[in-house]
Amino acid sequence: MKKPEIPFFKPTIEQEEIDEVVETLKSGWIGQGPKCEKFEEEFRSYIGSKYAISLNSCTAGLQLSLMALGIGRGDEVITTSLTFCSTVNAIVHTGASPVLSDIDPAALNLDPEKIEEKITKRTKAIIPVHLYGCPADMKKIMSIAEKYHLYVIEDAAHAIETIYQNQKIGTIGDAAVFSFYASKNISTGEGGMITTNHQKIAEKVKILRLHGLDKDAWKRYKTGEYKHYECVLPGFKFNMTDIQASLGIRQLKKIEQWRCMRKEIVKIYNDLLNDLEEVTSIVKAGRDNPEDKVQAYHLYPIMVKNPQDRDKLLTYLQEEGIGVGVHFKPVHQHPYYAKIFKNKSYPTAENAGSRLLSLPLFPTLRKEEAERVVESVRAFFKRTSKNTRLISSHPYPRPTL
């Protein structure tokens, strides 16, 4: 009998979200409007920043943050070599040059000790990524930025709930960008948010996100309040819609509950994988301590001891009906960026990228499902170990093909 599938991720959409979306559909305004403003205000309050600006993606937020800071052609931006390609794509779209730096081997975040050697006269900003919802070493990164007069834009796609040394991620750098993609901790299907404490950044992003217009559409067309608009910058179509914001408004209310549910799954994984020598767990479910850090528990990656086993394990789990992911293949190993970073090496990122594999993690994942995932991981290595022993103990040499 075929076992039921366990997806890598399943969004949690409950009746409250459905009712909020239906209300918006019936309201007569489904584009960027009052629901976006409400979501921005509630998200700003949750993060503790002065400003929050909703967008259609985290990638758009990274690009507009850079542009709002005046970064473009001729400038350099330093970021981690182990991240999703969108982090680097956003830099390229501004006309600036991405400069990759290697990672810390323990947390897999940008290694502050390696940043300074990458700084040149052209360097304008650093983009740390809070990988898997675990904060980068922002104290050291901000110190380097202050020393060299650089901007810091936090890629917080994984880190909505994350706290670093009693500060919410989203309040430390010059700007931070969050993701509400389908697989993120809260989701609007597609979507993103910039938070900042700088009025000039917020104002410029608001203009750039919607064609460079100086007034939002819903305010222009609101009965009795029509105002002529003007294009003051060559902007983009990067705004969020009220339909998306309706989901975000409801999901934000459940974010801490869902984080605790994911944390319990992380504990189960850690306990059951603790004695398995073939893998190492990256994310630890420690005590939440705002004076130190609070993790978002966005993903649960493991690192396979032998790189040759990673893809075999990935295939095996899929055959067992278990969804998996890889977070991430280092940026410079993708075909497009391999040409740009030709002859460049980032050994720690390369080592990690060849051995990482992410297991299912979402709030409604059941305990017995997490246990089945671990049983399948153990079964793979038990089978692999058995096959290795059979080959090594065979009395005759293997034929040469």
Protein backbone atom coordinates (compact mmCIF):
# COMPACT_ATOMS: atom_id res chain seq x y z
CA MET A 1 0.00 0.00 0.00
CA LYS A 2 1.41 3.37 -1.05
CA LYS A 3 2.17 5.71 1.85
CA PRO A 4 0.54 9.16 1.83
CA GLU A 5 2.81 11.90 0.56
CA ILE A 6 4.43 14.38 2.92
CA PRO A 7 4.92 17.69 1.08
CA PHE A 8 8.02 19.78 1.59
CA PHE A 9 5.77 22.69 2.51
CA LYS A 10 2.04 23.27 2.81
CA PRO A 11 0.64 26.80 3.29
CA THR A 12 -1.80 27.21 6.16
CA ILE A 13 -4.92 28.90 4.83
CA GLU A 14 -7.78 28.96 7.32
CA GLN A 15 -11.30 30.38 7.30
CA GLU A 16 -10.18 33.78 8.61
CA GLU A 17 -7.96 34.29 5.55
CA ILE A 18 -10.73 33.20 3.21
CA ASP A 19 -13.25 35.55 4.84
CA GLU A 20 -10.83 38.50 4.65
CA VAL A 21 -10.15 37.89 0.96
CA VAL A 22 -13.88 37.55 0.19
CA GLU A 23 -14.53 40.83 2.02
CA THR A 24 -11.90 42.51 -0.16
CA LEU A 25 -13.35 41.04 -3.35
CA LYS A 26 -16.77 42.38 -2.42
CA SER A 27 -15.39 45.80 -1.47
CA GLY A 28 -14.91 46.95 -5.04
CA TRP A 29 -11.18 47.65 -4.53
CA ILE A 30 -8.79 44.78 -5.17
CA GLY A 31 -5.59 46.57 -6.22
CA GLN A 32 -3.22 48.44 -3.91
CA GLY A 33 -5.41 50.23 -1.43
CA PRO A 34 -6.62 50.37 2.19
CA LYS A 35 -5.86 46.71 2.97
CA CYS A 36 -2.25 47.23 1.89
CA GLU A 37 -2.02 50.23 4.19
CA LYS A 38 -3.50 48.22 7.05
CA PHE A 39 -1.07 45.35 6.47
CA GLU A 40 1.86 47.79 6.31
CA GLU A 41 0.84 49.40 9.58
CA GLU A 42 0.40 46.08 11.40
CA PHE A 43 3.66 44.70 10.02
CA ARG A 44 5.49 47.91 10.95
CA SER A 45 4.12 47.58 14.48
CA TYR A 46 5.14 43.91 14.69
CA ILE A 47 8.71 44.59 13.55
CA GLY A 48 9.06 47.86 15.47
CA SER A 49 10.30 49.91 12.53
CA LYS A 50 9.21 53.45 11.67
CA TYR A 51 8.15 52.53 8.13
CA ALA A 52 6.94 49.46 6.22
CA ILE A 53 6.25 49.43 2.47
CA SER A 54 4.46 46.50 0.82
CA LEU A 55 5.65 45.11 -2.53
CA ASN A 56 4.99 42.25 -4.92
CA SER A 57 8.12 40.37 -3.88
CA CYS A 58 11.16 40.34 -1.61
CA THR A 59 13.35 40.53 -4.73
CA ALA A 60 11.69 43.80 -5.72
CA GLY A 61 12.34 45.05 -2.20
CA LEU A 62 16.05 44.33 -2.45
CA GLN A 63 16.31 46.16 -5.76
CA LEU A 64 14.31 49.19 -4.63
CA SER A 65 16.24 49.42 -1.35
CA LEU A 66 19.49 49.62 -3.28
CA MET A 67 18.07 52.17 -5.69
CA ALA A 68 16.62 54.28 -2.88
CA LEU A 69 20.14 54.48 -1.44
CA GLY A 70 21.49 55.69 -4.77
CA ILE A 71 23.40 52.49 -5.55
CA GLY A 72 23.88 51.69 -9.23
CA ARG A 73 26.36 51.42 -12.08
CA GLY A 74 29.99 51.54 -10.95
CA ASP A 75 29.18 50.53 -7.36
CA GLU A 76 29.87 47.22 -5.60
CA VAL A 77 27.68 45.38 -3.10
CA ILE A 78 29.01 42.57 -0.90
CA THR A 79 26.79 39.61 -0.07
CA THR A 80 26.99 35.94 0.85
CA SER A 81 27.92 33.22 -1.60
CA LEU A 82 25.29 30.87 -0.09
CA THR A 83 21.92 32.40 -0.89
CA PHE A 84 19.10 32.21 -3.40
CA CYS A 85 20.02 33.82 -6.72
CA SER A 86 17.46 36.61 -6.22
CA THR A 87 19.75 38.31 -3.68
CA VAL A 88 22.40 38.74 -6.37
CA ASN A 89 19.91 39.29 -9.21
CA ALA A 90 18.62 42.39 -7.40
CA ILE A 91 22.13 43.86 -7.27
CA VAL A 92 22.67 43.19 -10.97
CA HIS A 93 19.34 44.83 -11.90
CA THR A 94 20.49 48.12 -10.35
CA GLY A 95 23.60 48.10 -12.55
CA ALA A 96 25.89 47.56 -9.55
CA SER A 97 28.42 44.71 -9.32
CA PRO A 98 27.83 41.87 -6.83
CA VAL A 99 30.86 40.84 -4.76
CA LEU A 100 30.53 37.46 -3.07
CA SER A 101 32.08 36.59 0.26
CA ASP A 102 32.36 33.22 2.00
CA ILE A 103 30.32 31.98 4.96
CA ASP A 104 30.77 30.99 8.57
CA PRO A 105 31.01 27.15 8.66
CA ALA A 106 28.76 26.81 11.73
CA ALA A 107 25.75 29.07 11.05
CA LEU A 108 26.35 29.25 7.25
CA ASN A 109 25.70 33.01 7.31
CA LEU A 110 27.99 35.70 5.89
CA ASP A 111 31.32 35.50 7.73
CA PRO A 112 32.18 38.97 9.09
CA GLU A 113 35.87 38.03 9.24
CA LYS A 114 35.96 37.74 5.45
CA ILE A 115 34.05 40.92 4.57
CA GLU A 116 36.81 43.51 4.98
CA GLU A 117 39.10 41.87 2.43
CA LYS A 118 36.33 42.37 -0.16
CA ILE A 119 35.92 46.11 0.43
CA THR A 120 37.20 48.51 -2.24
CA LYS A 121 36.71 52.20 -3.05
CA ARG A 122 33.66 51.16 -5.07
CA THR A 123 31.93 49.28 -2.25
CA LYS A 124 28.68 50.93 -1.21
CA ALA A 125 26.70 48.31 0.73
CA ILE A 126 26.57 44.91 2.43
CA ILE A 127 23.62 42.54 2.13
CA PRO A 128 23.69 39.92 4.90
CA VAL A 129 21.16 37.07 4.57
CA HIS A 130 19.54 35.67 7.72
CA LEU A 131 19.68 32.12 6.43
CA TYR A 132 16.97 29.68 7.58
CA GLY A 133 15.71 32.33 10.03
CA CYS A 134 18.94 32.37 12.07
CA PRO A 135 20.37 35.91 12.37
CA ALA A 136 23.67 36.87 10.83
CA ASP A 137 26.30 38.41 13.12
CA MET A 138 24.86 41.91 12.80
CA LYS A 139 26.99 43.47 15.54
CA LYS A 140 30.18 42.79 13.62
CA ILE A 141 28.63 43.55 10.25
CA MET A 142 27.28 46.91 11.42
CA SER A 143 30.67 47.73 12.94
CA ILE A 144 32.36 47.08 9.59
CA ALA A 145 29.71 49.13 7.79
CA GLU A 146 30.23 52.05 10.15
CA LYS A 147 34.01 51.86 9.79
CA TYR A 148 33.86 52.03 5.98
CA HIS A 149 30.71 54.19 5.68
CA LEU A 150 28.67 51.46 3.99
CA TYR A 151 24.92 50.84 3.87
CA VAL A 152 23.45 47.59 5.21
CA ILE A 153 20.37 46.01 3.65
CA GLU A 154 19.19 42.86 5.41
CA ASP A 155 17.82 40.02 3.28
CA ALA A 156 15.27 38.82 5.83
CA ALA A 157 13.27 36.56 3.50
CA HIS A 158 13.54 33.75 6.09
CA ALA A 159 13.49 35.88 9.22
CA ILE A 160 10.18 37.62 9.94
CA GLU A 161 10.15 36.50 13.59
CA THR A 162 13.91 36.62 14.20
CA ILE A 163 15.42 38.63 17.06
CA TYR A 164 19.13 39.46 17.40
CA GLN A 165 20.47 40.84 20.70
CA ASN A 166 17.09 42.20 21.76
CA GLN A 167 16.46 43.80 18.37
CA LYS A 168 13.97 42.60 15.79
CA ILE A 169 15.44 41.87 12.41
CA GLY A 170 14.14 44.73 10.31
CA THR A 171 15.30 47.44 12.69
CA ILE A 172 19.09 47.04 12.61
CA GLY A 173 20.35 47.88 9.12
CA ASP A 174 19.41 50.81 6.89
CA ALA A 175 16.62 48.66 5.45
CA ALA A 176 15.41 45.06 5.61
CA VAL A 177 13.38 43.08 3.13
CA PHE A 178 10.94 40.27 3.92
CA SER A 179 9.24 37.64 1.77
CA PHE A 180 5.63 36.41 1.78
CA TYR A 181 6.14 33.82 -0.96
CA ALA A 182 3.96 30.70 -0.81
CA SER A 183 6.47 28.72 1.26
CA LYS A 184 7.37 31.47 3.73
CA ASN A 185 6.36 31.68 7.40
CA ILE A 186 3.40 33.86 6.47
CA SER A 187 2.25 34.03 2.88
CA THR A 188 0.37 36.31 0.55
CA GLY A 189 1.03 33.93 -2.37
CA GLU A 190 3.63 36.33 -3.70
CA GLY A 191 4.71 39.46 -1.90
CA GLY A 192 7.30 41.30 0.13
CA MET A 193 7.86 44.16 2.57
CA ILE A 194 10.60 46.70 3.18
CA THR A 195 11.09 48.02 6.70
CA THR A 196 13.29 51.00 7.50
CA ASN A 197 13.72 53.75 10.06
CA HIS A 198 14.74 56.27 7.38
CA GLN A 199 12.04 58.52 5.98
CA LYS A 200 13.89 59.27 2.73
CA ILE A 201 14.27 55.56 1.93
CA ALA A 202 10.58 54.94 2.62
CA GLU A 203 9.43 57.86 0.51
CA LYS A 204 11.58 56.94 -2.47
CA VAL A 205 10.57 53.25 -2.35
CA LYS A 206 6.89 54.24 -2.30
CA ILE A 207 7.39 56.24 -5.48
CA LEU A 208 9.57 53.65 -7.23
CA ARG A 209 7.20 50.73 -6.51
CA LEU A 210 4.34 52.20 -8.59
CA HIS A 211 5.57 53.65 -11.90
CA GLY A 212 7.35 56.54 -10.20
CA LEU A 213 4.04 58.26 -9.47
CA ASP A 214 3.78 60.67 -6.60
CA LYS A 215 0.33 59.44 -5.43
CA ASP A 216 -1.21 55.99 -4.86
CA ALA A 217 -4.06 55.00 -7.17
CA TRP A 218 -6.68 54.31 -4.52
CA LYS A 219 -6.17 57.78 -3.05
CA ARG A 220 -6.39 59.40 -6.47
CA TYR A 221 -9.69 57.74 -7.29
CA LYS A 222 -11.34 57.81 -3.86
CA THR A 223 -14.67 59.62 -4.17
CA GLY A 224 -14.35 63.31 -3.40
CA GLU A 225 -10.56 63.18 -3.12
CA TYR A 226 -9.31 62.97 -6.71
CA LYS A 227 -5.88 64.49 -7.17
CA HIS A 228 -3.81 64.79 -10.31
CA TYR A 229 -0.69 62.63 -10.30
CA GLU A 230 2.73 63.12 -11.83
CA CYS A 231 5.54 60.74 -12.76
CA VAL A 232 8.58 61.98 -10.87
CA LEU A 233 10.86 58.96 -11.41
CA PRO A 234 11.08 56.09 -13.96
CA GLY A 235 9.57 53.58 -11.52
CA PHE A 236 8.37 50.00 -11.63
CA LYS A 237 5.18 47.96 -11.18
CA PHE A 238 6.24 46.38 -7.90
CA ASN A 239 3.24 47.08 -5.68
CA MET A 240 1.22 44.61 -3.60
CA THR A 241 -2.57 44.22 -4.01
CA ASP A 242 -5.32 44.34 -1.41
CA ILE A 243 -6.14 40.69 -2.16
CA GLN A 244 -2.61 39.71 -1.14
CA ALA A 245 -2.63 42.04 1.85
CA SER A 246 -5.87 40.44 3.06
CA LEU A 247 -4.01 37.16 3.49
CA GLY A 248 -1.11 38.91 5.19
CA ILE A 249 -3.33 40.73 7.70
CA ARG A 250 -4.79 37.46 8.96
CA GLN A 251 -1.60 35.41 8.80
CA LEU A 252 0.39 37.98 10.77
CA LYS A 253 -1.93 37.44 13.75
CA LYS A 254 -0.87 33.76 13.87
CA ILE A 255 2.83 34.17 13.20
CA GLU A 256 4.12 33.50 16.72
CA GLN A 257 1.81 30.52 17.20
CA TRP A 258 3.04 29.02 13.95
CA ARG A 259 6.68 29.69 14.85
CA CYS A 260 6.23 27.71 18.08
CA MET A 261 4.63 24.86 16.14
CA ARG A 262 7.59 24.74 13.73
CA LYS A 263 9.96 24.86 16.69
CA GLU A 264 8.37 21.71 18.11
CA ILE A 265 8.96 19.92 14.80
CA VAL A 266 12.59 21.10 14.86
CA LYS A 267 12.96 19.59 18.35
CA ILE A 268 11.58 16.27 17.10
CA TYR A 269 13.98 16.23 14.18
CA ASN A 270 16.96 17.17 16.37
CA ASP A 271 16.18 14.48 18.97
CA LEU A 272 15.67 11.73 16.40
CA LEU A 273 18.68 12.63 14.25
CA ASN A 274 21.07 13.36 17.12
CA ASP A 275 22.82 9.97 17.04
CA LEU A 276 22.92 9.57 13.24
CA GLU A 277 26.58 10.07 12.32
CA GLU A 278 25.90 10.48 8.61
CA VAL A 279 24.11 13.83 8.98
CA THR A 280 24.43 17.06 10.96
CA SER A 281 21.48 19.26 11.90
CA ILE A 282 22.08 22.94 11.18
CA VAL A 283 19.16 24.52 13.06
CA LYS A 284 19.00 23.98 16.82
CA ALA A 285 15.82 24.50 18.83
CA GLY A 286 17.35 26.33 21.77
CA ARG A 287 15.64 28.45 24.40
CA ASP A 288 14.22 31.69 23.04
CA ASN A 289 16.18 34.52 24.61
CA PRO A 290 15.66 38.02 23.17
CA GLU A 291 18.89 39.14 24.84
CA ASP A 292 20.69 36.72 22.55
CA LYS A 293 18.48 35.60 19.66
CA VAL A 294 15.12 34.17 18.66
CA GLN A 295 15.03 32.06 15.51
CA ALA A 296 12.26 32.01 12.94
CA TYR A 297 12.67 28.28 12.16
CA HIS A 298 11.88 28.81 8.50
CA LEU A 299 13.69 25.75 7.15
CA TYR A 300 15.16 22.56 8.55
CA PRO A 301 18.37 21.79 6.64
CA ILE A 302 20.64 18.86 7.37
CA MET A 303 24.18 18.45 6.11
CA VAL A 304 25.08 15.03 4.76
CA LYS A 305 28.55 13.86 5.77
CA ASN A 306 29.42 12.45 2.35
CA PRO A 307 28.61 14.79 -0.59
CA GLN A 308 28.12 11.75 -2.83
CA ASP A 309 25.14 10.70 -0.68
CA ARG A 310 23.24 14.00 -0.86
CA ASP A 311 21.52 13.59 -4.22
CA LYS A 312 21.00 9.88 -3.61
CA LEU A 313 19.23 10.67 -0.33
CA LEU A 314 17.22 13.40 -2.04
CA THR A 315 16.03 10.92 -4.70
CA TYR A 316 15.31 8.22 -2.13
CA LEU A 317 13.14 10.50 0.00
CA GLN A 318 11.17 11.63 -3.04
CA GLU A 319 10.59 8.00 -3.98
CA GLU A 320 9.26 7.49 -0.44
CA GLY A 321 6.75 10.29 -1.03
CA ILE A 322 8.62 12.89 1.02
CA GLY A 323 9.19 16.39 -0.33
CA VAL A 324 12.69 17.86 -0.02
CA GLY A 325 14.62 20.98 -1.00
CA VAL A 326 18.19 22.23 -1.36
CA HIS A 327 18.97 25.61 0.26
CA PHE A 328 21.15 26.53 -1.50
CA LYS A 329 23.42 25.85 -4.43
CA PRO A 330 26.08 28.60 -4.11
CA VAL A 331 25.36 31.51 -6.41
CA HIS A 332 28.66 31.33 -8.28
CA GLN A 333 27.93 27.75 -9.35
CA HIS A 334 24.85 28.70 -11.36
CA PRO A 335 25.58 28.93 -15.11
CA TYR A 336 25.04 32.69 -15.47
CA TYR A 337 27.08 33.65 -12.42
CA ALA A 338 29.77 31.04 -13.09
CA LYS A 339 30.83 33.30 -15.98
CA ILE A 340 30.92 36.40 -13.79
CA PHE A 341 32.76 34.73 -10.90
CA LYS A 342 35.06 32.66 -13.08
CA ASN A 343 38.14 31.40 -11.17
CA LYS A 344 36.61 32.58 -7.87
CA SER A 345 36.41 30.10 -5.01
CA TYR A 346 34.33 30.16 -1.82
CA PRO A 347 35.32 26.84 -0.23
CA THR A 348 33.06 26.89 2.83
CA ALA A 349 29.98 27.70 0.75
CA GLU A 350 30.94 25.12 -1.86
CA ASN A 351 31.40 22.44 0.80
CA ALA A 352 28.05 23.25 2.41
CA GLY A 353 26.23 23.58 -0.90
CA SER A 354 27.25 20.07 -1.94
CA ARG A 355 25.95 18.51 1.29
CA LEU A 356 22.80 20.47 2.26
CA LEU A 357 19.30 19.04 2.07
CA SER A 358 16.14 20.50 3.63
CA LEU A 359 13.46 18.32 5.23
CA PRO A 360 9.73 19.17 5.39
CA LEU A 361 8.86 21.90 7.90
CA PHE A 362 5.51 23.69 8.27
CA PRO A 363 3.14 24.37 11.19
CA THR A 364 0.64 21.60 10.45
CA LEU A 365 3.27 18.88 9.94
CA ARG A 366 2.25 16.12 12.36
CA LYS A 367 4.59 14.43 14.82
CA GLU A 368 4.11 11.05 13.15
CA GLU A 369 4.94 12.58 9.77
CA ALA A 370 8.19 14.06 11.12
CA GLU A 371 9.01 10.65 12.61
CA ARG A 372 8.39 8.99 9.25
CA VAL A 373 10.73 11.49 7.56
CA VAL A 374 13.52 10.58 10.00
CA GLU A 375 12.79 6.84 9.63
CA SER A 376 13.26 7.23 5.87
CA VAL A 377 16.55 9.11 6.34
CA ARG A 378 17.77 6.34 8.65
CA ALA A 379 16.58 3.64 6.25
CA PHE A 380 18.59 5.20 3.42
CA PHE A 381 21.83 5.21 5.39
CA LYS A 382 21.20 1.71 6.74
CA ARG A 383 20.78 0.47 3.18
CA THR A 384 23.82 2.42 2.00
CA SER A 385 25.94 1.03 4.84
CA LYS A 386 24.81 -2.51 4.09
CA ASN A 387 25.65 -2.18 0.40
CA THR A 388 29.08 -0.77 1.27
CA ARG A 389 29.82 -3.73 3.53
CA LEU A 390 28.73 -6.22 0.87
CA ILE A 391 31.00 -4.65 -1.73
CA SER A 392 34.01 -4.35 0.56
CA SER A 393 33.69 -7.92 1.82
CA HIS A 394 33.27 -9.55 -1.61
CA PRO A 395 36.04 -12.18 -2.15
CA TYR A 396 36.55 -11.31 -5.80
CA PRO A 397 37.51 -7.97 -7.31
CA ARG A 398 34.81 -6.08 -9.19
CA PRO A 399 35.14 -6.37 -12.98
CA THR A 400 36.42 -3.39 -14.91
CA LEU A 401 33.82 -2.13 -17.39
